[in-house]
Protein backbone atom coordinates (compact mmCIF):
# COMPACT_ATOMS: atom_id res chain seq x y z
CA MET A 1 174.38 142.10 105.58
CA LYS A 2 171.54 140.49 103.61
CA LYS A 3 168.20 140.84 105.25
CA LEU A 4 166.09 137.60 104.76
CA ILE A 5 163.09 138.58 106.79
CA LEU A 6 160.07 137.78 104.74
CA ALA A 7 157.14 140.30 104.42
CA SER A 8 154.27 140.44 101.96
CA ALA A 9 157.07 140.18 99.26
CA LEU A 10 160.75 139.20 99.24
CA MET A 11 163.35 142.23 99.28
CA ALA A 12 165.83 142.49 96.80
CA VAL A 13 169.28 142.87 98.08
CA SER A 14 172.38 144.28 96.49
CA ALA A 15 175.88 142.69 96.55
CA GLY A 16 177.22 145.73 98.33
CA ALA A 17 175.19 144.78 101.34
CA PHE A 18 177.32 141.79 101.91
CA ALA A 19 179.74 141.15 104.97
CA SER A 20 182.71 139.42 103.59
CA SER A 21 184.35 137.64 100.40
CA GLY A 22 186.11 134.29 99.88
CA ALA A 23 186.72 131.55 97.25
CA CYS A 24 183.67 129.30 96.89
CA SER A 25 186.28 126.83 95.29
CA SER A 26 188.05 126.45 98.50
CA VAL A 27 184.99 125.14 100.12
CA GLY A 28 182.92 123.41 97.42
CA THR A 29 182.48 123.54 93.60
CA ILE A 30 181.04 126.36 91.34
CA ALA A 31 177.89 124.93 89.81
CA ALA A 32 176.80 127.92 88.30
CA VAL A 33 178.65 131.30 87.77
CA SER A 34 175.45 133.38 87.54
CA TYR A 35 172.32 131.85 89.43
CA SER A 36 169.21 133.78 89.63
CA TRP A 37 167.49 133.53 92.96
CA ASN A 38 164.95 135.85 94.62
CA GLY A 39 166.00 138.58 92.13
CA THR A 40 169.76 138.49 92.55
CA ALA A 41 172.43 136.99 90.51
CA TYR A 42 174.53 134.76 92.80
CA THR A 43 177.46 132.32 92.06
CA LEU A 44 176.03 128.99 93.23
CA CYS A 45 178.47 127.08 95.06
CA GLU A 46 177.72 123.42 95.94
CA LEU A 47 178.87 121.79 99.04
CA PRO A 48 180.74 118.40 98.75
CA SER A 49 179.21 115.26 99.99
CA SER A 50 181.77 114.90 103.00
CA ILE A 51 183.55 117.79 105.08
CA THR A 52 186.31 116.69 107.26
CA THR A 53 188.35 119.96 107.71
CA ASP A 54 187.12 123.29 109.12
CA GLU A 55 185.06 125.17 106.69
CA THR A 56 183.15 128.54 106.65
CA LEU A 57 180.19 129.15 104.49
CA PHE A 58 180.75 133.01 104.26
CA ASN A 59 178.05 135.63 103.25
CA GLY A 60 179.91 137.82 100.62
CA ASN A 61 181.34 137.82 97.15
CA ASP A 62 183.28 135.17 95.52
CA THR A 63 186.67 136.48 94.82
CA MET A 64 186.73 134.80 91.26
CA THR A 65 183.16 135.95 90.00
CA GLY A 66 182.65 138.92 92.03
CA GLN A 67 179.18 138.02 92.69
CA PRO A 68 177.50 136.90 96.16
CA VAL A 69 177.51 133.39 96.82
CA LEU A 70 174.53 131.10 97.37
CA TRP A 71 175.32 127.93 99.15
CA ALA A 72 173.73 124.63 97.77
CA LEU A 73 173.18 121.19 99.32
CA PRO A 74 173.06 118.77 96.31
CA GLY A 75 172.71 115.85 98.23
CA ILE A 76 173.51 114.52 101.67
CA VAL A 77 176.45 116.59 103.07
CA THR A 78 177.91 115.10 106.03
CA VAL A 79 180.40 116.93 108.32
CA GLY A 80 182.87 114.64 110.15
CA ASP A 81 183.08 110.70 109.92
CA GLY A 82 181.42 109.92 113.45
CA TYR A 83 178.39 108.52 111.69
CA GLU A 84 180.63 105.64 110.87
CA TYR A 85 180.43 102.06 112.88
CA GLY A 86 182.77 101.83 115.76
CA LYS A 87 183.64 105.56 116.08
CA THR A 88 184.75 106.88 119.52
CA PRO A 89 185.04 110.28 120.76
CA ALA A 90 188.74 109.83 120.43
CA THR A 91 188.67 108.49 116.89
CA ALA A 92 185.60 110.54 115.19
CA ASN A 93 186.83 113.56 113.05
CA ASP A 94 186.26 116.75 114.74
CA ALA A 95 185.57 119.09 111.83
CA GLU A 96 183.62 122.37 112.33
CA LEU A 97 181.18 124.05 109.90
CA THR A 98 180.78 127.61 110.38
CA ILE A 99 177.97 129.67 108.60
CA GLU A 100 178.03 133.15 108.57
CA SER A 101 175.05 135.27 109.79
CA GLY A 102 172.71 136.13 106.57
CA VAL A 103 173.77 133.04 104.66
CA ASN A 104 171.24 131.03 102.53
CA VAL A 105 171.82 127.37 102.03
CA ILE A 106 169.32 126.21 99.39
CA ALA A 107 168.79 122.43 98.62
CA THR A 108 169.00 121.66 94.93
CA ALA A 109 167.81 118.20 95.06
CA SER A 110 164.87 116.47 96.97
CA ASN A 111 167.29 113.93 98.76
CA ALA A 112 169.34 116.74 100.40
CA ALA A 113 170.35 116.89 104.01
CA LEU A 114 172.95 118.55 106.10
CA VAL A 115 174.27 116.00 108.81
CA ILE A 116 176.75 116.90 111.64
CA SER A 117 177.96 113.72 112.79
CA ARG A 118 179.23 112.50 116.01
CA GLY A 119 182.32 114.47 117.16
CA ALA A 120 181.88 117.21 114.41
CA THR A 121 180.28 120.76 115.24
CA ILE A 122 178.24 123.31 113.45
CA SER A 123 178.58 127.05 114.53
CA ALA A 124 175.63 128.79 112.73
CA VAL A 125 175.07 132.11 114.41
CA GLY A 126 172.91 134.63 112.72
CA THR A 127 171.07 137.40 114.10
CA ALA A 128 167.50 138.62 114.32
CA ASN A 129 167.77 140.82 111.45
CA ASP A 130 170.04 138.57 109.30
CA PRO A 131 169.10 134.83 110.15
CA ILE A 132 170.73 131.59 108.57
CA VAL A 133 167.77 130.12 106.12
CA PHE A 134 167.98 126.76 104.99
CA SER A 135 165.38 126.16 102.56
CA SER A 136 164.55 124.61 99.33
CA SER A 137 165.55 126.14 95.82
CA ASP A 138 162.38 127.77 95.27
CA GLU A 139 161.86 131.29 95.53
CA ASN A 140 158.91 131.80 97.79
CA TYR A 141 159.67 129.85 100.81
CA THR A 142 156.45 127.69 100.40
CA GLY A 143 155.95 123.91 100.01
CA GLU A 144 156.89 120.98 101.93
CA GLY A 145 158.78 118.03 101.51
CA GLU A 146 161.06 119.51 99.13
CA TRP A 147 164.16 118.57 100.63
CA GLY A 148 165.45 116.53 103.64
CA GLY A 149 166.50 118.93 106.77
CA VAL A 150 169.12 119.16 109.38
CA ILE A 151 170.34 116.63 111.72
CA LEU A 152 172.73 116.78 114.63
CA SER A 153 173.92 113.88 116.14
CA GLY A 154 176.21 113.05 119.33
CA PHE A 155 177.69 110.25 121.54
CA GLY A 156 175.18 110.89 124.22
CA VAL A 157 172.71 108.75 126.19
CA ALA A 158 169.83 107.05 123.94
CA ASN A 159 168.10 104.04 125.73
CA GLU A 160 168.05 102.26 122.45
CA CYS A 161 172.04 101.98 122.35
CA ASN A 162 173.40 102.88 125.91
CA SER A 163 175.63 99.71 126.13
CA GLY A 164 178.51 101.54 124.65
CA SER A 165 178.10 99.87 121.18
CA ASP A 166 176.62 101.05 117.99
CA THR A 167 173.01 99.97 117.59
CA CYS A 168 171.40 103.16 116.80
CA LEU A 169 170.85 104.14 113.46
CA MET A 170 169.34 107.34 111.86
CA GLU A 171 166.00 107.33 110.46
CA GLY A 172 165.56 107.92 106.61
CA ILE A 173 169.27 108.73 105.81
CA SER A 174 170.98 105.40 105.12
CA SER A 175 171.52 102.15 106.68
CA ASP A 176 174.91 102.82 108.20
CA TYR A 177 174.52 106.18 109.73
CA TYR A 178 175.08 105.74 113.64
CA PHE A 179 174.59 107.70 116.54
CA GLY A 180 174.49 107.71 120.27
CA GLY A 181 176.30 104.88 122.08
CA SER A 182 176.57 106.53 125.43
CA LEU A 183 180.35 107.08 125.06
CA SER A 184 180.35 110.78 126.07
CA THR A 185 178.14 113.21 127.82
CA THR A 186 180.25 116.27 127.36
CA MET A 187 180.91 116.41 123.69
CA GLY A 188 178.70 118.71 122.17
CA SER A 189 177.51 119.45 118.60
CA GLY A 190 178.08 123.28 118.46
CA ILE A 191 175.54 126.14 117.97
CA LEU A 192 172.24 126.99 116.12
CA LYS A 193 171.16 130.53 116.88
CA TYR A 194 168.93 132.64 114.60
CA VAL A 195 168.37 129.74 112.44
CA VAL A 196 165.41 129.14 109.80
CA ILE A 197 164.75 125.82 108.57
CA THR A 198 161.94 125.37 106.08
CA GLU A 199 160.22 123.28 103.34
CA GLY A 200 161.88 120.05 104.31
CA GLY A 201 160.74 116.52 105.21
CA SER A 202 161.63 114.59 102.14
CA GLU A 203 162.44 110.99 102.19
CA ILE A 204 166.04 110.58 101.87
CA ASN A 205 166.54 106.88 101.89
CA VAL A 206 163.49 104.44 101.83
CA ASN A 207 165.18 101.59 103.31
CA ASP A 208 164.45 102.74 107.12
CA PRO A 209 166.41 100.68 109.61
CA ASP A 210 163.85 100.70 112.36
CA ASP A 211 160.32 101.15 110.95
CA VAL A 212 158.78 100.44 114.60
CA ALA A 213 160.32 103.42 116.28
CA ASN A 214 160.48 105.78 113.05
CA GLY A 215 157.40 104.48 111.03
CA GLY A 216 158.62 106.38 108.02
CA ASP A 217 161.62 107.73 106.15
CA GLU A 218 160.99 111.50 106.14
CA ILE A 219 163.42 113.77 107.62
CA ASN A 220 162.45 116.03 110.65
CA GLY A 221 163.09 119.78 110.06
CA LEU A 222 165.60 119.60 113.08
CA THR A 223 166.66 116.06 114.07
CA LEU A 224 168.59 115.94 117.35
CA TYR A 225 170.21 112.28 117.99
CA ALA A 226 171.74 111.91 121.44
CA VAL A 227 172.93 115.22 121.59
CA ASN A 228 174.61 116.59 124.74
CA ASP A 229 173.62 119.64 126.16
CA THR A 230 177.26 120.30 127.33
CA GLY A 231 178.76 121.94 124.36
CA THR A 232 175.53 122.56 122.44
CA THR A 233 173.37 125.74 122.11
CA ILE A 234 170.11 125.85 120.34
CA GLU A 235 168.01 128.72 120.57
CA TYR A 236 166.05 131.01 118.21
CA VAL A 237 165.27 128.60 115.48
CA HIS A 238 162.26 128.51 113.53
CA ILE A 239 161.18 125.47 111.66
CA ASN A 240 158.35 125.97 109.07
CA GLU A 241 156.36 123.72 106.82
CA ASN A 242 158.36 120.47 107.36
CA TYR A 243 156.28 117.55 105.77
CA ASP A 244 157.18 115.44 108.80
CA ASP A 245 157.81 116.45 112.59
CA GLY A 246 159.05 119.88 113.16
CA ILE A 247 161.63 118.90 115.96
CA GLU A 248 162.54 115.47 117.09
CA PHE A 249 164.92 114.32 119.81
CA PHE A 250 166.15 110.74 119.86
CA GLY A 251 167.82 110.38 123.46
CA GLY A 252 170.18 113.00 124.62
CA ASP A 253 170.06 115.79 127.14
CA VAL A 254 170.29 118.98 125.05
CA ALA A 255 168.23 122.10 126.34
CA VAL A 256 166.51 124.07 123.34
CA SER A 257 164.76 127.45 123.83
CA ASP A 258 162.90 130.01 122.00
CA ILE A 259 161.75 127.65 119.26
CA TRP A 260 158.87 128.53 116.62
CA LEU A 261 157.14 125.54 114.85
CA THR A 262 154.86 126.53 112.17
CA CYS A 263 152.76 124.74 109.55
CA ASN A 264 154.67 121.43 110.17
CA GLY A 265 152.85 118.43 108.66
CA ASP A 266 153.11 115.95 111.26
CA ASP A 267 153.94 116.41 115.17
CA SER A 268 155.46 119.62 116.05
CA VAL A 269 157.37 118.13 118.98
CA ASP A 270 158.46 114.49 119.06
CA TRP A 271 160.83 112.77 121.57
CA ASP A 272 161.95 109.10 121.72
CA TYR A 273 164.78 106.97 123.19
CA GLY A 274 164.69 108.47 126.50
CA PHE A 275 165.13 112.17 125.63
CA HIS A 276 166.16 113.71 129.25
CA GLY A 277 166.68 117.40 128.08
CA SER A 278 164.50 120.47 128.21
CA ILE A 279 162.41 122.79 125.91
CA GLU A 280 161.50 126.37 126.88
CA ASN A 281 159.71 128.96 125.12
CA VAL A 282 158.38 127.10 122.17
CA TYR A 283 155.64 128.59 120.01
CA ILE A 284 153.59 126.07 117.81
CA GLU A 285 151.21 126.69 115.11
CA GLN A 286 149.43 123.30 114.46
CA GLY A 287 147.55 122.93 111.20
CA ASP A 288 145.34 120.27 109.52
CA LYS A 289 147.52 119.03 106.98
CA ASN A 290 148.41 115.87 105.49
CA GLY A 291 145.41 113.74 106.91
CA ALA A 292 145.58 115.46 110.28
CA GLU A 293 147.61 112.64 111.84
CA ASP A 294 149.41 115.43 114.18
CA TYR A 295 149.93 116.18 117.77
CA ALA A 296 151.48 119.44 119.13
CA PHE A 297 153.56 116.97 121.29
CA GLU A 298 153.95 113.14 120.61
CA LEU A 299 156.19 111.95 123.16
CA ALA A 300 157.73 108.34 124.01
CA GLY A 301 160.45 106.70 126.05
CA ASN A 302 161.18 104.08 123.40
CA PRO A 303 158.63 102.62 120.87
CA ASN A 304 160.76 99.36 120.99
CA ASN A 305 160.73 98.96 124.63
CA SER A 306 158.71 101.01 126.82
CA ALA A 307 160.78 99.94 129.85
CA ALA A 308 164.07 101.05 128.65
CA THR A 309 165.77 103.49 130.84
CA PRO A 310 166.49 106.12 131.12
CA LEU A 311 162.81 107.04 130.70
CA ALA A 312 162.14 110.27 128.83
CA SER A 313 162.15 112.91 131.44
CA ALA A 314 162.55 116.10 129.73
CA THR A 315 160.40 119.22 130.66
CA VAL A 316 158.48 121.67 128.65
CA THR A 317 158.39 125.16 130.35
CA GLY A 318 156.54 127.92 128.55
CA ALA A 319 154.40 127.01 125.46
CA TRP A 320 152.04 128.53 123.23
CA VAL A 321 149.97 126.08 121.08
CA GLN A 322 147.76 127.42 118.66
CA TYR A 323 145.49 125.42 116.42
CA ASN A 324 145.20 126.97 112.70
CA GLY A 325 142.25 125.62 110.91
CA SER A 326 138.44 125.57 110.68
CA ASN A 327 137.33 122.69 112.89
CA ALA A 328 139.87 121.27 115.82
CA ALA A 329 137.49 118.67 116.77
CA THR A 330 137.58 116.55 113.44
CA MET A 331 140.72 118.07 111.45
CA THR A 332 143.59 117.40 114.18
CA ASP A 333 144.76 115.51 116.90
CA ALA A 334 145.10 116.04 120.47
CA ILE A 335 147.64 118.45 122.07
CA PHE A 336 149.55 115.95 124.01
CA LYS A 337 150.16 112.27 122.86
CA LEU A 338 152.07 110.91 126.02
CA LYS A 339 152.97 107.16 125.09
CA GLU A 340 154.82 104.46 127.18
CA GLY A 341 158.39 105.35 128.69
CA THR A 342 157.64 109.27 129.02
CA GLY A 343 158.20 109.75 132.66
CA ASN A 344 156.97 112.13 135.33
CA THR A 345 159.72 114.38 136.60
CA ASN A 346 157.64 115.52 139.50
CA GLY A 347 157.08 112.39 141.12
CA THR A 348 158.69 109.38 142.18
CA ALA A 349 158.41 107.25 138.92
CA ASN A 350 161.32 109.08 137.33
CA GLY A 351 162.66 111.99 139.42
CA VAL A 352 165.64 112.80 137.31
CA VAL A 353 164.73 116.25 136.74
CA GLY A 354 162.99 116.45 140.30
CA GLY A 355 160.55 119.08 141.34
CA THR A 356 159.94 120.20 137.74
CA PRO A 357 156.54 119.24 136.33
CA LEU A 358 156.60 117.69 132.61
CA PHE A 359 154.51 120.82 131.53
CA ASP A 360 154.43 124.31 133.15
CA GLU A 361 153.30 127.65 131.80
CA ILE A 362 151.32 126.34 128.74
CA VAL A 363 148.73 128.02 126.65
CA ILE A 364 146.61 126.12 124.40
CA THR A 365 144.14 128.05 121.97
CA GLY A 366 141.71 127.23 119.13
CA TYR A 367 141.13 123.80 120.15
CA ALA A 368 137.49 123.80 121.16
CA GLY A 369 136.00 120.32 120.75
CA GLN A 370 139.21 118.66 120.55
CA GLU A 371 140.38 116.31 123.33
CA CYS A 372 143.48 117.77 125.30
CA ALA A 373 145.59 114.54 125.75
CA GLU A 374 145.91 111.10 124.97
CA ILE A 375 147.80 109.36 127.87
CA SER A 376 148.96 105.90 127.79
CA SER A 377 152.05 106.11 129.84
CA ALA A 378 152.21 104.59 133.36
CA ASN A 379 154.59 107.19 134.32
CA ILE A 380 152.31 110.28 133.86
CA SER A 381 150.42 111.48 137.17
CA THR A 382 148.01 114.29 137.94
CA ASP A 383 151.26 116.34 139.13
CA SER A 384 152.81 116.40 135.58
CA PHE A 385 150.93 119.53 134.75
CA GLU A 386 151.02 122.76 136.18
CA ALA A 387 149.93 126.10 135.02
CA VAL A 388 148.00 125.42 131.87
CA SER A 389 145.55 127.58 130.11
CA TYR A 390 143.22 125.36 127.67
CA ASP A 391 140.06 125.45 125.54
CA CYS A 392 140.44 121.82 124.63
CA ALA A 393 138.21 119.03 126.18
CA ILE A 394 139.26 116.64 128.92
CA THR A 395 138.18 113.05 128.01
CA ALA A 396 138.68 109.82 129.14
CA ALA A 397 141.76 109.21 127.13
CA ALA A 398 143.46 111.61 129.61
CA ASP A 399 142.64 108.92 132.11
CA GLY A 400 142.42 111.57 134.99
CA LYS A 401 146.01 112.68 134.59
CA PHE A 402 145.51 115.76 132.75
CA VAL A 403 144.88 117.90 135.81
CA PRO A 404 146.47 121.30 135.55
CA THR A 405 147.04 123.37 138.94
CA GLY A 406 146.14 126.61 137.46
CA SER A 407 146.17 128.92 134.48
CA SER A 408 149.36 130.03 132.70
CA SER A 409 150.63 133.63 132.41
CA PHE A 410 152.95 132.84 129.29
CA THR A 411 152.60 135.07 126.40
CA TYR A 412 153.01 134.71 122.55
CA ASN A 413 156.37 136.29 121.09
CA ASN A 414 156.50 136.90 117.61
CA SER A 415 159.38 134.93 115.59
CA PHE A 416 162.45 136.87 114.22
CA TRP A 417 161.19 135.37 111.02
CA THR A 418 157.96 136.06 109.40
CA ALA A 419 156.83 132.78 107.74
CA PRO A 420 154.49 132.80 104.74
CA ALA A 421 150.98 131.80 105.36
CA CYS A 422 150.14 128.01 105.79
CA LEU A 423 149.06 126.40 102.69
């Protein structure tokens, strides 16, 4: 298998190291018989804009050309048809896209993205030594906003569209890509494991359907739209140098774990529309890029309606937040931006999780002089924070609610993928 871990230089890989062979033309279209990328000659295989049958992106040689295959997103590639208006769990196409360990998927256009629509699934299972890597087509994994990102969507609960009708539209993709609807809480979106998403965040469609909620057309590194926890596994994912947020949740109750968010241009973690899942073991390196309009956590219940239910009641257990820059006091924002509709899972205001604090086992380092939290949500209380170690400052913006009960014993764990230095 091909090893994609980055060190000081990229490693050249021989064709004999690949695991399996297949016909690129059975999945997509050969765009180049011999395509040079990172010192290796590949057969470049472009994926079609729509995938509605089970397909596999194999990690091996093309049977016609004899060369290793490099997979390409030439634009928006959509798996399934569940994004269409009026689709239900019974009528949505259930295609599955399988991606083998060690596969590279490059974007050959700035408006490229992979969309797993409602009812469809992805099975992208890499390993620590052979992760699956989504990137732009450049050869050094550096840059941002060079393509879109990866999107998973489901029929789960999002408080903007929990009436069984299609009123929730994806941001920055198109005016007719729907998600949610509260039509199923058990239909999952598949597996992402040992996956890297880097250099994304480009605008895909400037006709944003919801400027209030979205505030822009950029794509997040990984976007999860009303994704259900049942039938979904997301763990060991590294999102690097995305122009917009690292990961954003729009409703749903999916649990994610072991996530690395490095050098992203806006917020590292963002949730909206009543997300009520969980995040465990997240490692954040927050910089001072793109005007420093960035928080480690920017969390809201619903920007259009702060009273919409369910409130956001997710939990973060185990987080390492490190500022990479020269002056946190002036060059970045607070660690926590907790806006209206984000609930307190440990109190009576929103006891969906019950007994679990919003934040526990958190380490904050490198933030000397910067405020710890900006809290405007009425549903946050002093028991929202438990064990937190911090070097940030408690200011009036926290309104007396940032009151950790003790220090954290959480420790940093290196990623399975070594990202380039932040630019």
